[in-house]
Amino acid sequence: MLDGPRLPPLRGPARELIVLCHGYGADGNDLIALGREWQRALPHAGFASPHAPERCEQSPSGFQWFGLARLDPHETQAGVERAAPYLDAFLNSEIERWALPPERMALLGFSQGAMMALHVGLRRSRSPAAIVGFSGLLVAPEQLPELSAPPPILLLHGTDDQVIPDAALFAAAVALGAAGAAVQWHRTPGLGHGIDAEGMVLAGRFLADAFAGRLTPRSFPLACRNPA
């Protein structure tokens, strides 16, 4: 079973839960700091940031969701599918831990963690409140499940990302939009493979809107649009 750092709500019992999925070679501590940045905007949210299930092949002090020697579509799909049950079980346990319904949970991931958040979040029997992906990609877009009630999705990427080119953002947004999902996206000029202050503000606002019920289909007039 996965485990990692958690952050209790700033005020009262948890009304929402945000699960943060770190990138390749990092660990849960890498993203839990985002929760501290968002606590004022989301004072009733709890945060959980699990360590991925495997020690990182290239950085033994960190973790990986799966081996990532290269961005080969077949290897990436096999890795995501292998790691998915671990994340799915963690989500179930955290929902129980925080005594919340599944629809009061949101998923956020960076890089490899964004791949996991999208893959698992779109395949749960009860959709999460939202999915946010930083600098990631949608694995096997041609195999998306039928999305009868998909969550709102925000994708963020830097234009100078040398690890996962920002073309992955558009590929994901188009595939998700075609499958019926409501997608917002944001590209940050000059940003590499990382998360900047602007992206954090946009993601925090998006999550707050999702939990407040402000992200209805009518708030997404296009299949994908830039929120900035």
Protein backbone atom coordinates (compact mmCIF):
# COMPACT_ATOMS: atom_id res chain seq x y z
CA MET A 1 0.00 0.00 0.00
CA LEU A 2 1.29 3.44 -0.90
CA ASP A 3 1.93 6.03 1.78
CA GLY A 4 3.26 9.55 1.97
CA PRO A 5 2.91 12.95 3.65
CA ARG A 6 -0.48 14.44 4.41
CA LEU A 7 -1.67 17.91 5.29
CA PRO A 8 -4.85 18.48 7.33
CA PRO A 9 -7.32 21.24 6.47
CA LEU A 10 -6.60 24.73 7.68
CA ARG A 11 -10.05 24.86 9.27
CA GLY A 12 -12.35 22.17 10.59
CA PRO A 13 -12.83 18.63 9.27
CA ALA A 14 -12.01 17.94 5.65
CA ARG A 15 -14.70 18.75 3.12
CA GLU A 16 -12.43 18.08 0.14
CA LEU A 17 -9.36 15.98 -0.58
CA ILE A 18 -6.61 16.71 -3.10
CA VAL A 19 -4.22 13.89 -3.97
CA LEU A 20 -0.88 15.01 -5.40
CA CYS A 21 1.11 12.64 -7.64
CA HIS A 22 4.80 13.48 -7.92
CA GLY A 23 7.06 13.09 -10.94
CA TYR A 24 9.83 10.66 -11.82
CA GLY A 25 12.65 10.49 -9.28
CA ALA A 26 10.90 12.58 -6.62
CA ASP A 27 8.68 11.57 -3.70
CA GLY A 28 5.52 12.69 -1.97
CA ASN A 29 7.33 15.49 -0.14
CA ASP A 30 8.02 17.15 -3.49
CA LEU A 31 4.40 18.22 -3.99
CA ILE A 32 2.91 18.42 -0.51
CA ALA A 33 4.21 22.00 -0.34
CA LEU A 34 1.59 22.90 -2.96
CA GLY A 35 -1.04 22.18 -0.35
CA ARG A 36 0.46 24.78 1.96
CA GLU A 37 0.31 27.33 -0.84
CA TRP A 38 -3.37 26.59 -1.50
CA GLN A 39 -4.66 26.34 2.06
CA ARG A 40 -6.00 29.88 2.19
CA ALA A 41 -7.97 29.40 -1.02
CA LEU A 42 -9.01 25.88 0.03
CA PRO A 43 -9.19 26.03 3.84
CA HIS A 44 -11.36 22.91 4.14
CA ALA A 45 -9.21 20.71 1.89
CA GLY A 46 -6.96 17.93 3.08
CA PHE A 47 -3.93 16.96 1.01
CA ALA A 48 -2.20 13.61 0.50
CA SER A 49 0.93 13.04 -1.58
CA PRO A 50 1.88 9.36 -1.90
CA HIS A 51 5.33 8.04 -2.70
CA ALA A 52 5.21 6.11 -5.98
CA PRO A 53 5.44 2.31 -5.67
CA GLU A 54 9.00 1.78 -6.97
CA ARG A 55 12.43 3.11 -6.07
CA CYS A 56 13.70 5.20 -8.96
CA GLU A 57 16.10 3.42 -11.29
CA GLN A 58 18.15 6.55 -11.93
CA SER A 59 17.80 8.21 -8.52
CA PRO A 60 17.58 5.61 -5.70
CA SER A 61 16.71 8.30 -3.14
CA GLY A 62 13.47 8.99 -5.05
CA PHE A 63 10.58 7.00 -6.44
CA GLN A 64 9.00 6.23 -9.79
CA TRP A 65 5.54 5.17 -10.85
CA PHE A 66 7.25 3.07 -13.50
CA GLY A 67 10.60 2.86 -15.29
CA LEU A 68 11.09 5.65 -17.81
CA ALA A 69 14.20 5.10 -19.86
CA ARG A 70 12.51 6.78 -22.84
CA LEU A 71 9.11 8.12 -23.81
CA ASP A 72 8.15 5.09 -25.85
CA PRO A 73 4.33 4.91 -26.12
CA HIS A 74 4.20 1.14 -25.57
CA GLU A 75 6.54 1.19 -22.57
CA THR A 76 4.72 4.17 -21.07
CA GLN A 77 1.33 2.52 -21.46
CA ALA A 78 2.57 -0.72 -19.90
CA GLY A 79 4.08 1.22 -16.99
CA VAL A 80 0.96 3.29 -16.32
CA GLU A 81 -1.24 0.22 -16.41
CA ARG A 82 1.09 -1.61 -14.02
CA ALA A 83 1.13 1.27 -11.52
CA ALA A 84 -2.56 2.16 -11.80
CA PRO A 85 -3.86 -0.39 -9.23
CA TYR A 86 -1.49 1.03 -6.60
CA LEU A 87 -2.76 4.57 -7.06
CA ASP A 88 -6.38 3.45 -7.31
CA ALA A 89 -6.09 1.53 -4.02
CA PHE A 90 -4.48 4.56 -2.38
CA LEU A 91 -7.35 6.79 -3.51
CA ASN A 92 -9.88 4.37 -2.05
CA SER A 93 -8.04 4.23 1.26
CA GLU A 94 -7.70 8.03 1.47
CA ILE A 95 -11.38 8.57 0.75
CA GLU A 96 -12.11 6.27 3.66
CA ARG A 97 -9.45 7.88 5.86
CA TRP A 98 -10.87 11.37 5.32
CA ALA A 99 -14.50 10.16 5.39
CA LEU A 100 -15.41 11.80 2.10
CA PRO A 101 -17.41 10.71 -0.96
CA PRO A 102 -15.33 10.03 -4.09
CA GLU A 103 -16.65 13.09 -5.88
CA ARG A 104 -15.09 15.33 -3.20
CA MET A 105 -11.60 14.23 -4.20
CA ALA A 106 -9.44 15.87 -6.87
CA LEU A 107 -6.29 14.52 -8.51
CA LEU A 108 -3.23 16.54 -9.43
CA GLY A 109 -0.02 15.29 -10.97
CA PHE A 110 3.29 16.56 -12.29
CA SER A 111 5.02 14.91 -15.26
CA GLN A 112 4.83 11.14 -14.70
CA GLY A 113 2.36 11.86 -11.91
CA ALA A 114 0.16 13.74 -14.40
CA MET A 115 0.12 10.63 -16.59
CA MET A 116 -1.05 8.63 -13.58
CA ALA A 117 -3.67 11.19 -12.50
CA LEU A 118 -5.24 11.29 -15.95
CA HIS A 119 -5.14 7.55 -16.52
CA VAL A 120 -6.56 6.54 -13.14
CA GLY A 121 -8.88 9.50 -12.64
CA LEU A 122 -10.66 8.91 -15.93
CA ARG A 123 -11.25 5.23 -15.15
CA ARG A 124 -12.74 5.40 -11.68
CA SER A 125 -16.34 4.29 -11.28
CA ARG A 126 -17.19 7.65 -9.67
CA SER A 127 -15.36 10.57 -11.22
CA PRO A 128 -13.20 12.84 -9.08
CA ALA A 129 -14.11 16.50 -8.68
CA ALA A 130 -11.30 17.56 -11.02
CA ILE A 131 -7.98 16.52 -12.56
CA VAL A 132 -5.00 18.86 -12.95
CA GLY A 133 -1.94 17.86 -14.96
CA PHE A 134 1.34 19.79 -15.00
CA SER A 135 3.89 19.01 -17.74
CA GLY A 136 2.45 15.59 -18.49
CA LEU A 137 0.81 13.68 -21.29
CA LEU A 138 -2.24 11.53 -21.90
CA VAL A 139 -1.14 7.91 -22.24
CA ALA A 140 -2.83 5.84 -24.97
CA PRO A 141 -5.38 8.52 -25.99
CA GLU A 142 -6.86 6.13 -28.53
CA GLN A 143 -7.90 3.84 -25.67
CA LEU A 144 -9.82 6.34 -23.56
CA PRO A 145 -12.81 4.75 -21.83
CA GLU A 146 -16.33 5.97 -22.46
CA LEU A 147 -16.60 9.21 -20.48
CA SER A 148 -20.21 9.46 -19.40
CA ALA A 149 -19.55 12.00 -16.63
CA PRO A 150 -15.93 13.13 -16.94
CA PRO A 151 -14.44 15.54 -14.42
CA PRO A 152 -13.27 19.02 -15.45
CA ILE A 153 -9.62 18.90 -16.46
CA LEU A 154 -6.87 21.54 -16.42
CA LEU A 155 -3.62 20.97 -18.33
CA LEU A 156 -0.59 23.21 -17.84
CA HIS A 157 2.73 23.12 -19.70
CA GLY A 158 5.80 25.23 -20.36
CA THR A 159 6.65 26.14 -23.94
CA ASP A 160 10.34 25.32 -23.35
CA ASP A 161 9.81 21.87 -21.79
CA GLN A 162 12.67 19.68 -23.02
CA VAL A 163 11.45 16.54 -21.21
CA ILE A 164 7.86 16.34 -22.44
CA PRO A 165 7.29 18.80 -25.32
CA ASP A 166 4.28 21.04 -24.91
CA ALA A 167 2.74 19.50 -28.02
CA ALA A 168 1.63 16.80 -25.57
CA LEU A 169 -0.76 19.34 -24.03
CA PHE A 170 -2.58 19.87 -27.32
CA ALA A 171 -2.68 16.16 -28.12
CA ALA A 172 -4.23 15.46 -24.72
CA ALA A 173 -6.71 18.34 -24.90
CA VAL A 174 -7.93 17.32 -28.36
CA ALA A 175 -8.32 13.65 -27.41
CA LEU A 176 -10.08 14.47 -24.15
CA GLY A 177 -12.37 16.99 -25.81
CA ALA A 178 -13.27 14.48 -28.52
CA ALA A 179 -14.14 11.98 -25.77
CA GLY A 180 -16.53 14.46 -24.16
CA ALA A 181 -14.37 15.92 -21.42
CA ALA A 182 -14.33 19.64 -20.57
CA VAL A 183 -10.71 20.79 -20.72
CA GLN A 184 -8.97 24.05 -19.95
CA TRP A 185 -5.29 24.53 -20.76
CA HIS A 186 -2.51 27.00 -20.17
CA ARG A 187 0.94 27.33 -21.76
CA THR A 188 3.61 29.35 -19.97
CA PRO A 189 6.10 31.01 -22.35
CA GLY A 190 9.72 30.24 -21.52
CA LEU A 191 8.95 27.70 -18.80
CA GLY A 192 10.77 24.38 -18.88
CA HIS A 193 9.76 21.13 -17.19
CA GLY A 194 8.36 22.51 -13.98
CA ILE A 195 5.65 24.39 -12.09
CA ASP A 196 5.74 28.16 -11.83
CA ALA A 197 3.87 30.66 -9.67
CA GLU A 198 1.33 31.47 -12.39
CA GLY A 199 0.50 27.81 -12.87
CA MET A 200 0.02 27.37 -9.14
CA VAL A 201 -2.43 30.28 -9.02
CA LEU A 202 -4.40 28.92 -11.99
CA ALA A 203 -4.50 25.40 -10.57
CA GLY A 204 -5.56 26.60 -7.12
CA ARG A 205 -8.37 28.67 -8.61
CA PHE A 206 -9.45 25.76 -10.81
CA LEU A 207 -9.63 23.37 -7.86
CA ALA A 208 -11.57 25.87 -5.76
CA ASP A 209 -14.05 26.39 -8.62
CA ALA A 210 -14.40 22.64 -9.12
CA PHE A 211 -15.23 21.95 -5.49
CA ALA A 212 -17.63 24.90 -5.42
CA GLY A 213 -19.52 23.51 -8.42
CA ARG A 214 -18.62 26.43 -10.66
CA LEU A 215 -17.07 24.28 -13.40
CA THR A 216 -20.22 23.11 -15.15
CA PRO A 217 -20.33 22.15 -18.86
CA ARG A 218 -21.62 25.65 -19.62
CA SER A 219 -18.44 27.15 -18.18
CA PHE A 220 -16.47 25.34 -20.89
CA PRO A 221 -17.93 26.78 -24.11
CA LEU A 222 -15.15 25.13 -26.15
CA ALA A 223 -13.72 21.61 -25.92
CA CYS A 224 -10.46 23.18 -24.78
CA ARG A 225 -9.63 26.73 -23.92
CA ASN A 226 -6.97 28.77 -22.18
CA PRO A 227 -8.17 30.06 -18.77
CA ALA A 228 -5.67 32.92 -18.68
